C-alpha atoms as a PDB file:
ATOM      1  CA  MET A   1      -2.421  59.210 104.432  1.00  0.00           C
ATOM      2  CA  PRO A   2       0.743  57.576 105.071  1.00  0.00           C
ATOM      3  CA  TYR A   3       3.644  59.166 106.778  1.00  0.00           C
ATOM      4  CA  THR A   4       6.678  59.383 104.540  1.00  0.00           C
ATOM      5  CA  ASN A   5       9.203  61.423 106.783  1.00  0.00           C
ATOM      6  CA  VAL A   6       9.411  59.830 110.171  1.00  0.00           C
ATOM      7  CA  LEU A   7      11.846  60.671 112.918  1.00  0.00           C
ATOM      8  CA  VAL A   8      12.641  58.608 115.882  1.00  0.00           C
ATOM      9  CA  ALA A   9      13.798  59.557 119.068  1.00  0.00           C
ATOM     10  CA  TYR A  10      16.434  56.973 120.183  1.00  0.00           C
ATOM     11  CA  ASP A  11      18.054  56.839 123.756  1.00  0.00           C
ATOM     12  CA  GLY A  12      18.606  52.885 124.064  1.00  0.00           C
ATOM     13  CA  SER A  13      15.990  52.377 126.620  1.00  0.00           C
ATOM     14  CA  ASP A  14      13.464  49.841 126.446  1.00  0.00           C
ATOM     15  CA  ALA A  15      10.586  52.369 125.647  1.00  0.00           C
ATOM     16  CA  SER A  16      12.975  53.689 122.852  1.00  0.00           C
ATOM     17  CA  ASP A  17      13.776  50.179 121.766  1.00  0.00           C
ATOM     18  CA  LYS A  18       9.783  49.857 121.150  1.00  0.00           C
ATOM     19  CA  ALA A  19       9.198  53.060 119.240  1.00  0.00           C
ATOM     20  CA  LEU A  20      12.031  52.125 116.845  1.00  0.00           C
ATOM     21  CA  ASP A  21      10.315  48.426 116.114  1.00  0.00           C
ATOM     22  CA  SER A  22       6.945  50.468 115.512  1.00  0.00           C
ATOM     23  CA  ALA A  23       8.773  53.009 113.412  1.00  0.00           C
ATOM     24  CA  VAL A  24      10.640  49.828 111.282  1.00  0.00           C
ATOM     25  CA  GLN A  25       7.374  48.103 111.084  1.00  0.00           C
ATOM     26  CA  LEU A  26       5.595  51.372 109.753  1.00  0.00           C
ATOM     27  CA  ALA A  27       8.382  51.991 107.124  1.00  0.00           C
ATOM     28  CA  LYS A  28       8.013  48.170 106.060  1.00  0.00           C
ATOM     29  CA  LEU A  29       4.361  48.697 105.387  1.00  0.00           C
ATOM     30  CA  ASN A  30       4.969  52.075 103.423  1.00  0.00           C
ATOM     31  CA  PRO A  31       7.697  51.493 101.142  1.00  0.00           C
ATOM     32  CA  GLY A  32       9.591  54.942 100.233  1.00  0.00           C
ATOM     33  CA  THR A  33       9.133  56.231 104.131  1.00  0.00           C
ATOM     34  CA  LYS A  34      12.336  57.899 104.900  1.00  0.00           C
ATOM     35  CA  LEU A  35      13.174  57.058 108.617  1.00  0.00           C
ATOM     36  CA  GLU A  36      15.650  58.960 110.484  1.00  0.00           C
ATOM     37  CA  VAL A  37      16.578  57.699 113.708  1.00  0.00           C
ATOM     38  CA  LEU A  38      17.888  60.596 116.386  1.00  0.00           C
ATOM     39  CA  HIS A  39      20.141  59.606 119.652  1.00  0.00           C
ATOM     40  CA  VAL A  40      20.356  63.089 121.590  1.00  0.00           C
ATOM     41  CA  PHE A  41      23.271  63.451 124.597  1.00  0.00           C
ATOM     42  CA  GLN A  42      23.986  65.942 126.245  1.00  0.00           C
ATOM     43  CA  ILE A  43      27.362  66.324 128.526  1.00  0.00           C
ATOM     44  CA  PRO A  44      26.312  67.677 132.267  1.00  0.00           C
ATOM     45  CA  ALA A  45      27.512  71.084 132.620  1.00  0.00           C
ATOM     46  CA  PHE A  46      26.711  73.635 135.740  1.00  0.00           C
ATOM     47  CA  MET A  47      26.603  77.404 136.459  1.00  0.00           C
ATOM     48  CA  ILE A  48      28.090  78.113 140.080  1.00  0.00           C
ATOM     49  CA  GLY A  49      27.759  81.530 140.293  1.00  0.00           C
ATOM     50  CA  GLU A  50      29.113  83.198 137.479  1.00  0.00           C
ATOM     51  CA  ALA A  51      31.271  80.235 136.477  1.00  0.00           C
ATOM     52  CA  PHE A  52      30.692  77.765 133.756  1.00  0.00           C
ATOM     53  CA  VAL A  53      31.700  74.327 134.863  1.00  0.00           C
ATOM     54  CA  THR A  54      31.751  71.208 132.515  1.00  0.00           C
ATOM     55  CA  ALA A  55      31.721  67.627 133.308  1.00  0.00           C
ATOM     56  CA  PRO A  56      35.449  66.157 133.887  1.00  0.00           C
ATOM     57  CA  PRO A  57      36.673  64.490 130.608  1.00  0.00           C
ATOM     58  CA  GLU A  58      36.381  61.049 131.938  1.00  0.00           C
ATOM     59  CA  VAL A  59      32.720  61.556 131.847  1.00  0.00           C
ATOM     60  CA  SER A  60      32.433  63.413 128.281  1.00  0.00           C
ATOM     61  CA  GLU A  61      34.241  60.094 127.236  1.00  0.00           C
ATOM     62  CA  GLU A  62      31.792  57.886 128.983  1.00  0.00           C
ATOM     63  CA  GLN A  63      29.025  59.847 127.133  1.00  0.00           C
ATOM     64  CA  TYR A  64      30.471  59.471 123.556  1.00  0.00           C
ATOM     65  CA  ALA A  65      30.917  55.664 124.416  1.00  0.00           C
ATOM     66  CA  TYR A  66      27.576  55.216 125.486  1.00  0.00           C
ATOM     67  CA  SER A  67      26.476  57.095 122.545  1.00  0.00           C
ATOM     68  CA  ASP A  68      28.755  55.162 120.190  1.00  0.00           C
ATOM     69  CA  LYS A  69      26.651  51.858 121.733  1.00  0.00           C
ATOM     70  CA  VAL A  70      23.584  53.108 121.131  1.00  0.00           C
ATOM     71  CA  THR A  71      24.043  54.459 117.547  1.00  0.00           C
ATOM     72  CA  ALA A  72      25.272  51.175 116.739  1.00  0.00           C
ATOM     73  CA  LYS A  73      22.298  48.919 117.978  1.00  0.00           C
ATOM     74  CA  ALA A  74      20.160  51.593 116.643  1.00  0.00           C
ATOM     75  CA  ARG A  75      22.016  50.838 112.837  1.00  0.00           C
ATOM     76  CA  ASP A  76      21.316  47.190 113.339  1.00  0.00           C
ATOM     77  CA  LYS A  77      17.759  47.742 114.026  1.00  0.00           C
ATOM     78  CA  VAL A  78      17.032  49.871 110.776  1.00  0.00           C
ATOM     79  CA  GLY A  79      19.654  47.781 108.653  1.00  0.00           C
ATOM     80  CA  GLY A  80      16.808  46.302 106.519  1.00  0.00           C
ATOM     81  CA  ILE A  81      15.012  49.424 105.732  1.00  0.00           C
ATOM     82  CA  PRO A  82      16.226  51.386 102.383  1.00  0.00           C
ATOM     83  CA  GLY A  83      17.586  55.007 103.349  1.00  0.00           C
ATOM     84  CA  ALA A  84      17.156  54.853 106.952  1.00  0.00           C
ATOM     85  CA  GLN A  85      19.898  56.880 108.654  1.00  0.00           C
ATOM     86  CA  VAL A  86      20.917  57.677 112.309  1.00  0.00           C
ATOM     87  CA  VAL A  87      22.237  60.612 113.547  1.00  0.00           C
ATOM     88  CA  THR A  88      23.355  61.617 116.985  1.00  0.00           C
ATOM     89  CA  LYS A  89      23.576  65.219 118.427  1.00  0.00           C
ATOM     90  CA  GLN A  90      24.417  66.999 121.512  1.00  0.00           C
ATOM     91  CA  GLY A  91      21.898  68.981 123.558  1.00  0.00           C
ATOM     92  CA  PRO A  92      18.785  69.082 125.431  1.00  0.00           C
ATOM     93  CA  ALA A  93      16.832  66.301 124.073  1.00  0.00           C
ATOM     94  CA  ALA A  94      13.556  67.442 123.685  1.00  0.00           C
ATOM     95  CA  LYS A  95      14.911  71.015 122.111  1.00  0.00           C
ATOM     96  CA  VAL A  96      17.062  68.707 119.854  1.00  0.00           C
ATOM     97  CA  ILE A  97      14.411  66.501 118.672  1.00  0.00           C
ATOM     98  CA  LEU A  98      11.849  69.298 118.176  1.00  0.00           C
ATOM     99  CA  GLU A  99      14.703  70.844 115.982  1.00  0.00           C
ATOM    100  CA  GLU A 100      15.838  68.268 113.963  1.00  0.00           C
ATOM    101  CA  ALA A 101      12.120  67.509 112.948  1.00  0.00           C
ATOM    102  CA  GLU A 102      11.565  70.725 111.681  1.00  0.00           C
ATOM    103  CA  GLU A 103      14.833  70.596 109.755  1.00  0.00           C
ATOM    104  CA  ILE A 104      14.322  67.464 108.063  1.00  0.00           C
ATOM    105  CA  GLY A 105      10.457  68.126 107.494  1.00  0.00           C
ATOM    106  CA  ALA A 106       9.371  64.973 109.367  1.00  0.00           C
ATOM    107  CA  ASP A 107       5.610  64.482 109.545  1.00  0.00           C
ATOM    108  CA  LEU A 108       5.930  62.059 112.201  1.00  0.00           C
ATOM    109  CA  ILE A 109       7.782  61.795 115.782  1.00  0.00           C
ATOM    110  CA  LEU A 110       7.791  58.538 117.502  1.00  0.00           C
ATOM    111  CA  ILE A 111       9.052  58.252 120.838  1.00  0.00           C
ATOM    112  CA  GLY A 112       8.816  56.301 123.872  1.00  0.00           C
ATOM    113  CA  ASP A 113       6.886  57.099 126.842  1.00  0.00           C
ATOM    114  CA  ARG A 114      10.034  56.676 129.301  1.00  0.00           C
ATOM    115  CA  GLY A 115      13.569  57.296 128.637  1.00  0.00           C
ATOM    116  CA  LEU A 116      16.900  56.924 130.544  1.00  0.00           C
ATOM    117  CA  GLY A 117      16.028  60.405 132.662  1.00  0.00           C
ATOM    118  CA  GLY A 118      15.804  59.239 136.096  1.00  0.00           C
ATOM    119  CA  LEU A 119      16.127  62.255 138.335  1.00  0.00           C
ATOM    120  CA  SER A 120      16.049  64.897 135.849  1.00  0.00           C
ATOM    121  CA  GLU A 121      12.743  63.585 134.339  1.00  0.00           C
ATOM    122  CA  PHE A 122      11.006  63.941 137.640  1.00  0.00           C
ATOM    123  CA  VAL A 123      12.452  67.627 138.222  1.00  0.00           C
ATOM    124  CA  LEU A 124      12.099  69.142 134.150  1.00  0.00           C
ATOM    125  CA  GLY A 125       9.193  66.954 133.083  1.00  0.00           C
ATOM    126  CA  SER A 126       9.873  64.113 130.593  1.00  0.00           C
ATOM    127  CA  VAL A 127      10.966  64.595 127.314  1.00  0.00           C
ATOM    128  CA  SER A 128       8.342  62.841 125.466  1.00  0.00           C
ATOM    129  CA  HIS A 129       5.839  65.370 127.503  1.00  0.00           C
ATOM    130  CA  ASN A 130       7.712  68.281 126.525  1.00  0.00           C
ATOM    131  CA  VAL A 131       7.970  66.978 122.379  1.00  0.00           C
ATOM    132  CA  VAL A 132       4.128  66.208 122.488  1.00  0.00           C
ATOM    133  CA  GLN A 133       3.282  69.855 124.367  1.00  0.00           C
ATOM    134  CA  HIS A 134       5.509  71.705 121.603  1.00  0.00           C
ATOM    135  CA  ALA A 135       5.417  69.597 118.438  1.00  0.00           C
ATOM    136  CA  ARG A 136       3.587  71.250 115.292  1.00  0.00           C
ATOM    137  CA  ILE A 137       3.565  67.690 114.134  1.00  0.00           C
ATOM    138  CA  PRO A 138       2.061  64.250 115.010  1.00  0.00           C
ATOM    139  CA  VAL A 139       3.515  62.712 117.603  1.00  0.00           C
ATOM    140  CA  LEU A 140       3.374  58.857 118.697  1.00  0.00           C
ATOM    141  CA  VAL A 141       4.215  58.261 122.180  1.00  0.00           C
ATOM    142  CA  VAL A 142       4.899  53.987 122.146  1.00  0.00           C
ATOM    143  CA  LYS A 143       4.561  52.336 125.372  1.00  0.00           C
END
């Protein structure tokens, strides 16, 4: 059974590049496959006591600039796939990926095994692990 509606989680890391390359190959092998590349970013925010503190504007600007760069790279990679689209959303990565998969009716999620998570990945668990554990559809983790 070929997959016809594929969601690729993309953060610009080497692992997500490999996942996107795999999705592009899959789409080329199965004409008519709908391919959506999703880039998720989150502006840091913290609770200090009862106060909600967001990152300074410079950090937000850097995040938006980085997201623009990442989505441009993704658009270049999927340029030859008819109907492929690149989407950017903000929020907790695993949650947003799972919500997007459900919203678009994806039948497969592709994700890299390691992203740009750093310390938060160690403390909170990896995004790919959370997606695998909570997805209701198949997830292909690309190494």
